[in-house]
């Protein structure tokens, strides 16, 4: 009886294992597909972030240039005012 039970167990094992392997392979394929989609989405988000960073850096540069020009005009006006007062 024990040898019959062992044989039955082995047969069941041999019948079940391929199903588990197939299910595992399907699951791995699904996870790989989801991972690829996630990586694509992350890449797109990084590209958008980089574009926004460049836009902000450009705006900061424009603002800094404007501040520099304003400060330069203030210095010029101070120099003119100083020259007028010293005459």
N, C-alpha and C. Protein backbone atom coordinates (compact mmCIF):
# COMPACT_ATOMS: atom_id res chain seq x y z
N UNK A 1 0.81 -1.18 0.00
CA UNK A 1 0.00 0.00 0.00
C UNK A 1 0.86 1.26 0.00
N UNK A 2 1.95 1.19 0.68
CA UNK A 2 2.83 2.35 0.76
C UNK A 2 3.46 2.67 -0.59
N UNK A 3 3.83 1.62 -1.34
CA UNK A 3 4.43 1.87 -2.65
C UNK A 3 3.41 2.43 -3.63
N UNK A 4 2.15 1.98 -3.53
CA UNK A 4 1.10 2.54 -4.39
C UNK A 4 0.88 4.02 -4.06
N UNK A 5 0.86 4.29 -2.77
CA UNK A 5 0.67 5.69 -2.34
C UNK A 5 1.81 6.56 -2.86
N UNK A 6 3.04 6.04 -2.79
CA UNK A 6 4.20 6.78 -3.29
C UNK A 6 4.10 7.02 -4.78
N UNK A 7 3.68 6.01 -5.51
CA UNK A 7 3.54 6.14 -6.96
C UNK A 7 2.46 7.17 -7.29
N UNK A 8 1.34 7.11 -6.57
CA UNK A 8 0.26 8.08 -6.80
C UNK A 8 0.75 9.49 -6.49
N UNK A 9 1.49 9.64 -5.41
CA UNK A 9 2.03 10.95 -5.05
C UNK A 9 2.97 11.47 -6.14
N UNK A 10 3.82 10.60 -6.65
CA UNK A 10 4.75 11.00 -7.70
C UNK A 10 3.98 11.40 -8.96
N UNK A 11 2.95 10.64 -9.32
CA UNK A 11 2.15 10.97 -10.51
C UNK A 11 1.43 12.30 -10.33
N UNK A 12 0.86 12.51 -9.16
CA UNK A 12 0.19 13.79 -8.89
C UNK A 12 1.21 14.92 -8.98
N UNK A 13 2.36 14.69 -8.39
CA UNK A 13 3.44 15.69 -8.41
C UNK A 13 3.81 16.03 -9.85
N UNK A 14 3.96 14.99 -10.68
CA UNK A 14 4.35 15.20 -12.07
C UNK A 14 3.25 15.89 -12.88
N UNK A 15 2.01 15.71 -12.48
CA UNK A 15 0.90 16.38 -13.16
C UNK A 15 0.75 17.83 -12.71
N UNK A 16 1.03 18.09 -11.45
CA UNK A 16 0.81 19.43 -10.89
C UNK A 16 1.97 20.38 -11.21
N UNK A 17 3.19 19.90 -11.13
CA UNK A 17 4.37 20.76 -11.31
C UNK A 17 4.36 21.51 -12.64
N UNK A 18 4.05 20.86 -13.77
CA UNK A 18 4.03 21.64 -15.02
C UNK A 18 3.04 22.81 -14.97
N UNK A 19 1.88 22.61 -14.31
CA UNK A 19 0.92 23.70 -14.17
C UNK A 19 1.51 24.84 -13.37
N UNK A 20 2.18 24.52 -12.27
CA UNK A 20 2.80 25.56 -11.45
C UNK A 20 3.87 26.30 -12.23
N UNK A 21 4.65 25.56 -13.01
CA UNK A 21 5.70 26.18 -13.82
C UNK A 21 5.07 27.10 -14.86
N UNK A 22 4.01 26.64 -15.51
CA UNK A 22 3.34 27.45 -16.53
C UNK A 22 2.76 28.72 -15.90
N UNK A 23 2.10 28.57 -14.75
CA UNK A 23 1.53 29.73 -14.06
C UNK A 23 2.64 30.69 -13.65
N UNK A 24 3.74 30.15 -13.16
CA UNK A 24 4.87 31.01 -12.76
C UNK A 24 5.44 31.75 -13.97
N UNK A 25 5.56 31.06 -15.09
CA UNK A 25 6.08 31.70 -16.30
C UNK A 25 5.13 32.80 -16.79
N UNK A 26 3.82 32.54 -16.72
CA UNK A 26 2.85 33.58 -17.10
C UNK A 26 2.96 34.78 -16.18
N UNK A 27 3.08 34.51 -14.89
CA UNK A 27 3.19 35.59 -13.90
C UNK A 27 4.45 36.40 -14.14
N UNK A 28 5.54 35.73 -14.42
CA UNK A 28 6.81 36.42 -14.69
C UNK A 28 6.66 37.29 -15.95
N UNK A 29 6.04 36.76 -16.98
CA UNK A 29 5.84 37.53 -18.22
C UNK A 29 4.98 38.76 -17.96
N UNK A 30 3.91 38.59 -17.18
CA UNK A 30 3.04 39.73 -16.85
C UNK A 30 3.81 40.78 -16.05
N UNK A 31 4.62 40.32 -15.09
CA UNK A 31 5.41 41.26 -14.28
C UNK A 31 6.44 41.99 -15.13
N UNK A 32 7.06 41.27 -16.07
CA UNK A 32 8.03 41.91 -16.95
C UNK A 32 7.35 42.98 -17.81
N UNK A 33 6.15 42.68 -18.32
CA UNK A 33 5.41 43.65 -19.12
C UNK A 33 5.05 44.88 -18.29
N UNK A 34 4.55 44.64 -17.07
CA UNK A 34 4.22 45.76 -16.18
C UNK A 34 5.46 46.57 -15.84
N UNK A 35 6.58 45.89 -15.63
CA UNK A 35 7.83 46.57 -15.33
C UNK A 35 8.26 47.45 -16.50
N UNK A 36 8.14 46.93 -17.71
CA UNK A 36 8.50 47.72 -18.90
C UNK A 36 7.59 48.94 -19.04
N UNK A 37 6.29 48.76 -18.79
CA UNK A 37 5.37 49.89 -18.85
C UNK A 37 5.72 50.92 -17.79
N UNK A 38 6.06 50.45 -16.60
CA UNK A 38 6.43 51.35 -15.51
C UNK A 38 7.71 52.11 -15.86
N UNK A 39 8.70 51.42 -16.41
CA UNK A 39 9.94 52.08 -16.79
C UNK A 39 9.70 53.13 -17.88
N UNK A 40 8.82 52.82 -18.82
CA UNK A 40 8.47 53.78 -19.87
C UNK A 40 7.80 55.01 -19.27
N UNK A 41 6.88 54.78 -18.34
CA UNK A 41 6.20 55.90 -17.69
C UNK A 41 7.17 56.75 -16.88
N UNK A 42 8.08 56.10 -16.17
CA UNK A 42 9.08 56.83 -15.38
C UNK A 42 9.97 57.65 -16.30
N UNK A 43 10.37 57.08 -17.42
CA UNK A 43 11.21 57.80 -18.38
C UNK A 43 10.48 59.02 -18.92
N UNK A 44 9.20 58.86 -19.24
CA UNK A 44 8.42 60.00 -19.75
C UNK A 44 8.31 61.09 -18.69
N UNK A 45 8.09 60.69 -17.44
CA UNK A 45 8.00 61.67 -16.35
C UNK A 45 9.33 62.38 -16.14
N UNK A 46 10.44 61.65 -16.24
CA UNK A 46 11.76 62.28 -16.10
C UNK A 46 12.00 63.28 -17.22
N UNK A 47 11.58 62.93 -18.43
CA UNK A 47 11.72 63.87 -19.56
C UNK A 47 10.92 65.13 -19.32
N UNK A 48 9.69 64.98 -18.85
CA UNK A 48 8.85 66.15 -18.55
C UNK A 48 9.48 66.98 -17.44
N UNK A 49 9.99 66.31 -16.41
CA UNK A 49 10.64 67.02 -15.30
C UNK A 49 11.84 67.81 -15.81
N UNK A 50 12.65 67.19 -16.66
CA UNK A 50 13.82 67.87 -17.20
C UNK A 50 13.43 69.09 -18.04
N UNK A 51 12.35 68.96 -18.81
CA UNK A 51 11.86 70.11 -19.59
C UNK A 51 11.45 71.25 -18.66
N UNK A 52 10.72 70.90 -17.60
CA UNK A 52 10.26 71.93 -16.65
C UNK A 52 11.45 72.59 -15.96
N UNK A 53 12.45 71.80 -15.59
CA UNK A 53 13.64 72.35 -14.95
C UNK A 53 14.34 73.33 -15.89
N UNK A 54 14.47 72.96 -17.17
CA UNK A 54 15.08 73.85 -18.15
C UNK A 54 14.29 75.14 -18.31
N UNK A 55 12.96 75.02 -18.34
CA UNK A 55 12.12 76.22 -18.45
C UNK A 55 12.34 77.14 -17.25
N UNK A 56 12.36 76.55 -16.06
CA UNK A 56 12.56 77.34 -14.85
C UNK A 56 13.95 77.97 -14.84
N UNK A 57 14.97 77.20 -15.24
CA UNK A 57 16.32 77.76 -15.30
C UNK A 57 16.39 78.93 -16.28
N UNK A 58 15.72 78.80 -17.42
CA UNK A 58 15.69 79.90 -18.40
C UNK A 58 14.99 81.12 -17.82
N UNK A 59 13.88 80.91 -17.12
CA UNK A 59 13.17 82.03 -16.51
C UNK A 59 14.04 82.71 -15.44
N UNK A 60 14.74 81.91 -14.66
CA UNK A 60 15.64 82.47 -13.64
C UNK A 60 16.74 83.28 -14.30
N UNK A 61 17.28 82.77 -15.40
CA UNK A 61 18.33 83.49 -16.13
C UNK A 61 17.81 84.83 -16.65
N UNK A 62 16.60 84.83 -17.20
CA UNK A 62 16.00 86.08 -17.70
C UNK A 62 15.81 87.06 -16.55
N UNK A 63 15.31 86.58 -15.42
CA UNK A 63 15.11 87.44 -14.25
C UNK A 63 16.44 87.99 -13.76
N UNK A 64 17.46 87.14 -13.69
CA UNK A 64 18.78 87.59 -13.24
C UNK A 64 19.36 88.65 -14.18
N UNK A 65 19.17 88.45 -15.49
CA UNK A 65 19.63 89.46 -16.45
C UNK A 65 18.91 90.78 -16.24
N UNK A 66 17.60 90.71 -16.00
CA UNK A 66 16.82 91.94 -15.76
C UNK A 66 17.30 92.63 -14.49
N UNK A 67 17.53 91.87 -13.45
CA UNK A 67 18.02 92.45 -12.19
C UNK A 67 19.38 93.10 -12.40
N UNK A 68 20.25 92.44 -13.17
CA UNK A 68 21.57 93.00 -13.45
C UNK A 68 21.44 94.34 -14.18
N UNK A 69 20.57 94.38 -15.22
CA UNK A 69 20.38 95.62 -15.98
C UNK A 69 19.80 96.73 -15.09
N UNK A 70 18.85 96.38 -14.25
CA UNK A 70 18.27 97.39 -13.34
C UNK A 70 19.33 97.91 -12.38
N UNK A 71 20.11 97.00 -11.80
CA UNK A 71 21.18 97.43 -10.88
C UNK A 71 22.21 98.30 -11.59
N UNK A 72 22.51 97.95 -12.84
CA UNK A 72 23.46 98.75 -13.62
C UNK A 72 22.91 100.16 -13.84
N UNK A 73 21.62 100.27 -14.18
CA UNK A 73 21.01 101.59 -14.36
C UNK A 73 21.02 102.38 -13.06
N UNK A 74 20.74 101.70 -11.94
CA UNK A 74 20.77 102.38 -10.64
C UNK A 74 22.17 102.92 -10.36
N UNK A 75 23.19 102.09 -10.63
CA UNK A 75 24.58 102.54 -10.43
C UNK A 75 24.89 103.74 -11.33
N UNK A 76 24.45 103.68 -12.59
CA UNK A 76 24.69 104.80 -13.52
C UNK A 76 24.01 106.07 -13.01
N UNK A 77 22.78 105.95 -12.54
CA UNK A 77 22.06 107.12 -12.02
C UNK A 77 22.73 107.66 -10.76
N UNK A 78 23.22 106.78 -9.91
CA UNK A 78 23.93 107.23 -8.71
C UNK A 78 25.20 107.98 -9.10
N UNK A 79 25.90 107.45 -10.10
CA UNK A 79 27.13 108.12 -10.55
C UNK A 79 26.81 109.50 -11.11
N UNK A 80 25.75 109.57 -11.92
CA UNK A 80 25.35 110.88 -12.48
C UNK A 80 24.96 111.82 -11.35
N UNK A 81 24.15 111.34 -10.40
CA UNK A 81 23.71 112.17 -9.28
C UNK A 81 24.91 112.62 -8.44
N UNK A 82 25.85 111.72 -8.23
CA UNK A 82 27.06 112.04 -7.47
C UNK A 82 27.87 113.12 -8.19
N UNK A 83 28.01 112.98 -9.52
CA UNK A 83 28.74 113.99 -10.31
C UNK A 83 28.05 115.35 -10.26
N UNK A 84 26.72 115.36 -10.32
CA UNK A 84 25.98 116.63 -10.26
C UNK A 84 26.17 117.28 -8.90
N UNK A 85 26.12 116.51 -7.85
CA UNK A 85 26.26 117.06 -6.49
C UNK A 85 27.68 117.53 -6.19
N UNK A 86 28.65 116.97 -6.86
CA UNK A 86 30.05 117.35 -6.59
C UNK A 86 30.50 118.54 -7.43
N UNK A 87 29.67 119.08 -8.30
CA UNK A 87 30.06 120.22 -9.13
C UNK A 87 29.84 121.50 -8.41
